[in-house]
Amino acid sequence: MPDTTTPRGLLLTPGAGASRDHHTLVAVQRRLAELDPPVATERVDFPYRLAGKRMPDRPPVAVAHLREEAARFAAGLGVGTDRLLLGGRSYGGRMCSMAVAEGLPAAGLVLLSYPLHPPGRPDRLRVEHLPQLTVPVLFVSGDRDPFGTPEELAEHAATIPGPVTTVTLPGAHDVKGRDDEVAAAVADWVRTL
């Protein structure tokens, strides 16, 4: 009987100030390639980065781009987007979660350093779409992240109806020097799906 449930790929996106070649994304891709069976990973940039601009795309542009990239990647693997995991760092993960909340079929979300709010602005939450997430969600964050404390993350992750896994590592928003631990957390979670 062919396997029709295991995720076949992970589409990874960078934070607002980085590119698809961010060291954490590269580390995750490397680690998932070592799984048995390996999980195909594709790292993609957003349109603003491709155009050489510094200002991140507005959500409708980023979400449309993610839909196109997910469809292209899934087609290349011979599956639907419902067999893909989507995710990324900070802005990239947030855009992926918005795409899934808006109906993009996915096997799950990998949200690295999810930005609950701008630093120092807990009143400007970016969580209104979380209750629409019914897929498995992995959050990997630093314990001193100014974009959201572990307590804030626990509070807002509780609004997600799908299964949620949270991994907290020592560090701030960049979880500096912990790429291997981030990648291991992603690989360990993927094995449970």
C-alpha atoms as a PDB file:
ATOM      1  CA  MET A   1       0.000   0.000   0.000  1.00  0.00           C
ATOM      2  CA  PRO A   2       1.576   3.349  -0.993  1.00  0.00           C
ATOM      3  CA  ASP A   3       2.192   5.899   1.767  1.00  0.00           C
ATOM      4  CA  THR A   4      -0.172   8.823   1.273  1.00  0.00           C
ATOM      5  CA  THR A   5       0.312  10.665   4.556  1.00  0.00           C
ATOM      6  CA  THR A   6       4.023  11.184   5.293  1.00  0.00           C
ATOM      7  CA  PRO A   7       5.225  14.677   4.336  1.00  0.00           C
ATOM      8  CA  ARG A   8       7.314  14.536   1.169  1.00  0.00           C
ATOM      9  CA  GLY A   9       8.925  17.954   1.310  1.00  0.00           C
ATOM     10  CA  LEU A  10       9.548  21.141   3.268  1.00  0.00           C
ATOM     11  CA  LEU A  11       9.319  24.575   1.655  1.00  0.00           C
ATOM     12  CA  LEU A  12      11.500  26.922   3.740  1.00  0.00           C
ATOM     13  CA  THR A  13      11.439  30.714   3.722  1.00  0.00           C
ATOM     14  CA  PRO A  14      13.721  33.340   5.329  1.00  0.00           C
ATOM     15  CA  GLY A  15      13.095  36.154   7.756  1.00  0.00           C
ATOM     16  CA  ALA A  16      12.605  39.704   6.483  1.00  0.00           C
ATOM     17  CA  GLY A  17      16.285  40.667   6.635  1.00  0.00           C
ATOM     18  CA  ALA A  18      17.729  37.472   5.177  1.00  0.00           C
ATOM     19  CA  SER A  19      17.797  35.360   2.037  1.00  0.00           C
ATOM     20  CA  ARG A  20      17.028  31.724   1.294  1.00  0.00           C
ATOM     21  CA  ASP A  21      20.684  30.994   2.106  1.00  0.00           C
ATOM     22  CA  HIS A  22      20.307  31.888   5.810  1.00  0.00           C
ATOM     23  CA  HIS A  23      22.504  29.501   7.817  1.00  0.00           C
ATOM     24  CA  THR A  24      19.625  28.159   9.919  1.00  0.00           C
ATOM     25  CA  LEU A  25      17.603  27.228   6.830  1.00  0.00           C
ATOM     26  CA  VAL A  26      20.654  25.549   5.289  1.00  0.00           C
ATOM     27  CA  ALA A  27      21.187  23.567   8.520  1.00  0.00           C
ATOM     28  CA  VAL A  28      17.558  22.387   8.529  1.00  0.00           C
ATOM     29  CA  GLN A  29      17.803  21.330   4.878  1.00  0.00           C
ATOM     30  CA  ARG A  30      21.002  19.383   5.585  1.00  0.00           C
ATOM     31  CA  ARG A  31      19.484  17.585   8.562  1.00  0.00           C
ATOM     32  CA  LEU A  32      16.283  16.607   6.715  1.00  0.00           C
ATOM     33  CA  ALA A  33      18.372  15.186   3.849  1.00  0.00           C
ATOM     34  CA  GLU A  34      19.897  12.765   6.393  1.00  0.00           C
ATOM     35  CA  LEU A  35      16.528  11.308   7.462  1.00  0.00           C
ATOM     36  CA  ASP A  36      15.479   7.867   6.258  1.00  0.00           C
ATOM     37  CA  PRO A  37      13.679   8.417   4.002  1.00  0.00           C
ATOM     38  CA  PRO A  38      15.071  11.894   3.337  1.00  0.00           C
ATOM     39  CA  VAL A  39      12.654  14.830   3.235  1.00  0.00           C
ATOM     40  CA  ALA A  40      13.176  17.021   0.171  1.00  0.00           C
ATOM     41  CA  THR A  41      13.687  20.659   1.164  1.00  0.00           C
ATOM     42  CA  GLU A  42      13.506  23.731  -1.005  1.00  0.00           C
ATOM     43  CA  ARG A  43      14.582  27.146   0.253  1.00  0.00           C
ATOM     44  CA  VAL A  44      12.897  30.069  -1.521  1.00  0.00           C
ATOM     45  CA  ASP A  45      13.112  33.853  -1.430  1.00  0.00           C
ATOM     46  CA  PHE A  46      10.171  36.256  -1.455  1.00  0.00           C
ATOM     47  CA  PRO A  47       9.512  38.585  -4.446  1.00  0.00           C
ATOM     48  CA  TYR A  48      10.985  41.677  -2.744  1.00  0.00           C
ATOM     49  CA  ARG A  49      14.302  39.879  -2.208  1.00  0.00           C
ATOM     50  CA  LEU A  50      14.309  38.584  -5.796  1.00  0.00           C
ATOM     51  CA  ALA A  51      13.761  42.185  -6.986  1.00  0.00           C
ATOM     52  CA  GLY A  52      16.654  43.467  -4.848  1.00  0.00           C
ATOM     53  CA  LYS A  53      14.399  45.457  -2.514  1.00  0.00           C
ATOM     54  CA  ARG A  54      14.779  45.749   1.253  1.00  0.00           C
ATOM     55  CA  MET A  55      11.165  46.244   2.317  1.00  0.00           C
ATOM     56  CA  PRO A  56       9.327  42.921   2.809  1.00  0.00           C
ATOM     57  CA  ASP A  57       6.290  42.149   0.711  1.00  0.00           C
ATOM     58  CA  ARG A  58       2.831  42.825   2.092  1.00  0.00           C
ATOM     59  CA  PRO A  59       1.059  39.606   3.144  1.00  0.00           C
ATOM     60  CA  PRO A  60      -1.161  39.274   0.027  1.00  0.00           C
ATOM     61  CA  VAL A  61       1.921  39.345  -2.247  1.00  0.00           C
ATOM     62  CA  ALA A  62       3.922  36.967  -0.025  1.00  0.00           C
ATOM     63  CA  VAL A  63       1.011  34.522   0.354  1.00  0.00           C
ATOM     64  CA  ALA A  64       0.357  34.462  -3.416  1.00  0.00           C
ATOM     65  CA  HIS A  65       4.068  33.769  -3.972  1.00  0.00           C
ATOM     66  CA  LEU A  66       3.999  30.943  -1.423  1.00  0.00           C
ATOM     67  CA  ARG A  67       0.993  29.369  -3.153  1.00  0.00           C
ATOM     68  CA  GLU A  68       2.885  29.392  -6.467  1.00  0.00           C
ATOM     69  CA  GLU A  69       6.125  28.068  -4.967  1.00  0.00           C
ATOM     70  CA  ALA A  70       4.327  25.334  -3.007  1.00  0.00           C
ATOM     71  CA  ALA A  71       2.409  24.217  -6.121  1.00  0.00           C
ATOM     72  CA  ARG A  72       5.612  24.156  -8.188  1.00  0.00           C
ATOM     73  CA  PHE A  73       7.586  22.247  -5.533  1.00  0.00           C
ATOM     74  CA  ALA A  74       4.756  19.746  -4.921  1.00  0.00           C
ATOM     75  CA  ALA A  75       4.322  19.139  -8.658  1.00  0.00           C
ATOM     76  CA  GLY A  76       8.049  18.426  -8.941  1.00  0.00           C
ATOM     77  CA  LEU A  77       7.668  15.804  -6.196  1.00  0.00           C
ATOM     78  CA  GLY A  78       4.558  14.347  -7.828  1.00  0.00           C
ATOM     79  CA  VAL A  79       2.262  15.182  -4.894  1.00  0.00           C
ATOM     80  CA  GLY A  80      -0.250  17.824  -3.814  1.00  0.00           C
ATOM     81  CA  THR A  81       0.669  20.678  -1.480  1.00  0.00           C
ATOM     82  CA  ASP A  82      -1.103  18.738   1.289  1.00  0.00           C
ATOM     83  CA  ARG A  83       2.025  16.536   1.402  1.00  0.00           C
ATOM     84  CA  LEU A  84       4.318  19.548   1.980  1.00  0.00           C
ATOM     85  CA  LEU A  85       5.435  21.122   5.207  1.00  0.00           C
ATOM     86  CA  LEU A  86       5.703  24.904   4.958  1.00  0.00           C
ATOM     87  CA  GLY A  87       7.693  27.201   7.159  1.00  0.00           C
ATOM     88  CA  GLY A  88      10.632  29.398   7.825  1.00  0.00           C
ATOM     89  CA  ARG A  89      12.173  31.953  10.107  1.00  0.00           C
ATOM     90  CA  SER A  90      10.293  34.886  11.579  1.00  0.00           C
ATOM     91  CA  TYR A  91       8.520  36.775   8.735  1.00  0.00           C
ATOM     92  CA  GLY A  92       8.819  33.741   6.446  1.00  0.00           C
ATOM     93  CA  GLY A  93       7.177  31.426   8.945  1.00  0.00           C
ATOM     94  CA  ARG A  94       4.469  33.973   9.632  1.00  0.00           C
ATOM     95  CA  MET A  95       3.676  34.283   5.920  1.00  0.00           C
ATOM     96  CA  CYS A  96       3.517  30.476   5.619  1.00  0.00           C
ATOM     97  CA  SER A  97       1.140  30.268   8.586  1.00  0.00           C
ATOM     98  CA  MET A  98      -1.062  32.953   7.004  1.00  0.00           C
ATOM     99  CA  ALA A  99      -1.102  31.058   3.680  1.00  0.00           C
ATOM    100  CA  VAL A 100      -2.227  27.866   5.438  1.00  0.00           C
ATOM    101  CA  ALA A 101      -4.807  29.768   7.528  1.00  0.00           C
ATOM    102  CA  GLU A 102      -6.161  31.179   4.244  1.00  0.00           C
ATOM    103  CA  GLY A 103      -6.632  27.680   2.834  1.00  0.00           C
ATOM    104  CA  LEU A 104      -3.356  26.518   1.279  1.00  0.00           C
ATOM    105  CA  PRO A 105      -3.346  22.739   1.921  1.00  0.00           C
ATOM    106  CA  ALA A 106      -0.249  21.627   3.843  1.00  0.00           C
ATOM    107  CA  ALA A 107       0.954  18.704   5.966  1.00  0.00           C
ATOM    108  CA  GLY A 108       2.178  21.020   8.736  1.00  0.00           C
ATOM    109  CA  LEU A 109       4.035  24.197   9.646  1.00  0.00           C
ATOM    110  CA  VAL A 110       7.630  24.700  10.817  1.00  0.00           C
ATOM    111  CA  LEU A 111       7.760  28.109  12.521  1.00  0.00           C
ATOM    112  CA  LEU A 112      11.241  29.179  13.593  1.00  0.00           C
ATOM    113  CA  SER A 113      11.427  32.302  15.806  1.00  0.00           C
ATOM    114  CA  TYR A 114       7.788  33.164  15.109  1.00  0.00           C
ATOM    115  CA  PRO A 115       7.269  36.940  15.508  1.00  0.00           C
ATOM    116  CA  LEU A 116       4.242  37.265  17.794  1.00  0.00           C
ATOM    117  CA  HIS A 117       4.706  41.042  17.884  1.00  0.00           C
ATOM    118  CA  PRO A 118       7.357  43.679  17.104  1.00  0.00           C
ATOM    119  CA  PRO A 119      10.022  43.983  19.840  1.00  0.00           C
ATOM    120  CA  GLY A 120       8.729  46.039  22.748  1.00  0.00           C
ATOM    121  CA  ARG A 121       5.220  46.175  21.256  1.00  0.00           C
ATOM    122  CA  PRO A 122       3.217  43.299  22.783  1.00  0.00           C
ATOM    123  CA  ASP A 123       0.075  45.315  21.990  1.00  0.00           C
ATOM    124  CA  ARG A 124       0.678  44.802  18.218  1.00  0.00           C
ATOM    125  CA  LEU A 125       0.010  41.067  18.012  1.00  0.00           C
ATOM    126  CA  ARG A 126       0.281  39.068  14.773  1.00  0.00           C
ATOM    127  CA  VAL A 127      -1.834  36.126  15.876  1.00  0.00           C
ATOM    128  CA  GLU A 128      -5.371  36.689  14.549  1.00  0.00           C
ATOM    129  CA  HIS A 129      -5.042  33.830  12.019  1.00  0.00           C
ATOM    130  CA  LEU A 130      -3.694  31.206  14.444  1.00  0.00           C
ATOM    131  CA  PRO A 131      -7.154  29.772  15.329  1.00  0.00           C
ATOM    132  CA  GLN A 132      -7.534  28.763  11.641  1.00  0.00           C
ATOM    133  CA  LEU A 133      -4.506  26.427  11.762  1.00  0.00           C
ATOM    134  CA  THR A 134      -5.694  22.814  11.899  1.00  0.00           C
ATOM    135  CA  VAL A 135      -2.424  21.186  10.752  1.00  0.00           C
ATOM    136  CA  PRO A 136       0.435  20.100  13.053  1.00  0.00           C
ATOM    137  CA  VAL A 137       2.588  23.098  14.010  1.00  0.00           C
ATOM    138  CA  LEU A 138       6.158  23.184  15.324  1.00  0.00           C
ATOM    139  CA  PHE A 139       7.440  26.338  17.031  1.00  0.00           C
ATOM    140  CA  VAL A 140      11.189  26.610  17.726  1.00  0.00           C
ATOM    141  CA  SER A 141      12.110  29.811  19.577  1.00  0.00           C
ATOM    142  CA  GLY A 142      14.698  31.366  21.842  1.00  0.00           C
ATOM    143  CA  ASP A 143      13.933  31.822  25.524  1.00  0.00           C
ATOM    144  CA  ARG A 144      14.850  35.539  25.300  1.00  0.00           C
ATOM    145  CA  ASP A 145      13.162  36.373  21.987  1.00  0.00           C
ATOM    146  CA  PRO A 146      12.003  40.041  22.045  1.00  0.00           C
ATOM    147  CA  PHE A 147       9.382  39.148  19.391  1.00  0.00           C
ATOM    148  CA  GLY A 148       7.608  36.938  21.939  1.00  0.00           C
ATOM    149  CA  THR A 149       8.422  35.298  25.259  1.00  0.00           C
ATOM    150  CA  PRO A 150       7.898  31.561  25.830  1.00  0.00           C
ATOM    151  CA  GLU A 151       4.884  32.482  28.000  1.00  0.00           C
ATOM    152  CA  GLU A 152       3.361  34.654  25.252  1.00  0.00           C
ATOM    153  CA  LEU A 153       3.970  31.900  22.711  1.00  0.00           C
ATOM    154  CA  ALA A 154       2.289  29.295  24.938  1.00  0.00           C
ATOM    155  CA  GLU A 155      -0.731  31.580  25.391  1.00  0.00           C
ATOM    156  CA  HIS A 156      -1.241  32.192  21.676  1.00  0.00           C
ATOM    157  CA  ALA A 157      -0.275  28.699  20.510  1.00  0.00           C
ATOM    158  CA  ALA A 158      -3.124  27.427  22.716  1.00  0.00           C
ATOM    159  CA  THR A 159      -5.570  29.027  20.242  1.00  0.00           C
ATOM    160  CA  ILE A 160      -4.389  26.673  17.462  1.00  0.00           C
ATOM    161  CA  PRO A 161      -6.811  23.742  17.074  1.00  0.00           C
ATOM    162  CA  GLY A 162      -4.210  21.509  15.379  1.00  0.00           C
ATOM    163  CA  PRO A 163      -1.473  19.682  17.321  1.00  0.00           C
ATOM    164  CA  VAL A 164       1.252  22.063  18.534  1.00  0.00           C
ATOM    165  CA  THR A 165       4.822  21.250  19.525  1.00  0.00           C
ATOM    166  CA  THR A 166       6.995  23.936  21.109  1.00  0.00           C
ATOM    167  CA  VAL A 167      10.774  23.748  21.462  1.00  0.00           C
ATOM    168  CA  THR A 168      12.499  26.506  23.441  1.00  0.00           C
ATOM    169  CA  LEU A 169      16.248  26.945  23.090  1.00  0.00           C
ATOM    170  CA  PRO A 170      18.612  29.322  24.890  1.00  0.00           C
ATOM    171  CA  GLY A 171      18.926  32.564  22.943  1.00  0.00           C
ATOM    172  CA  ALA A 172      17.223  35.576  21.446  1.00  0.00           C
ATOM    173  CA  HIS A 173      15.388  35.941  18.120  1.00  0.00           C
ATOM    174  CA  ASP A 174      18.320  34.605  16.082  1.00  0.00           C
ATOM    175  CA  VAL A 175      18.977  31.672  18.484  1.00  0.00           C
ATOM    176  CA  LYS A 176      22.619  32.381  17.623  1.00  0.00           C
ATOM    177  CA  GLY A 177      25.015  29.460  17.421  1.00  0.00           C
ATOM    178  CA  ARG A 178      22.229  26.875  17.732  1.00  0.00           C
ATOM    179  CA  ASP A 179      21.601  25.922  14.095  1.00  0.00           C
ATOM    180  CA  ASP A 180      22.289  22.241  14.813  1.00  0.00           C
ATOM    181  CA  GLU A 181      19.803  22.236  17.694  1.00  0.00           C
ATOM    182  CA  VAL A 182      17.151  23.998  15.593  1.00  0.00           C
ATOM    183  CA  ALA A 183      17.708  21.503  12.766  1.00  0.00           C
ATOM    184  CA  ALA A 184      17.566  18.563  15.192  1.00  0.00           C
ATOM    185  CA  ALA A 185      14.286  19.858  16.659  1.00  0.00           C
ATOM    186  CA  VAL A 186      12.787  20.058  13.157  1.00  0.00           C
ATOM    187  CA  ALA A 187      14.038  16.590  12.188  1.00  0.00           C
ATOM    188  CA  ASP A 188      12.772  15.034  15.448  1.00  0.00           C
ATOM    189  CA  TRP A 189       9.333  16.581  14.891  1.00  0.00           C
ATOM    190  CA  VAL A 190       9.179  15.519  11.233  1.00  0.00           C
ATOM    191  CA  ARG A 191       9.839  11.917  12.317  1.00  0.00           C
ATOM    192  CA  THR A 192       6.637  12.015  14.407  1.00  0.00           C
ATOM    193  CA  LEU A 193       4.400  12.915  11.455  1.00  0.00           C
END
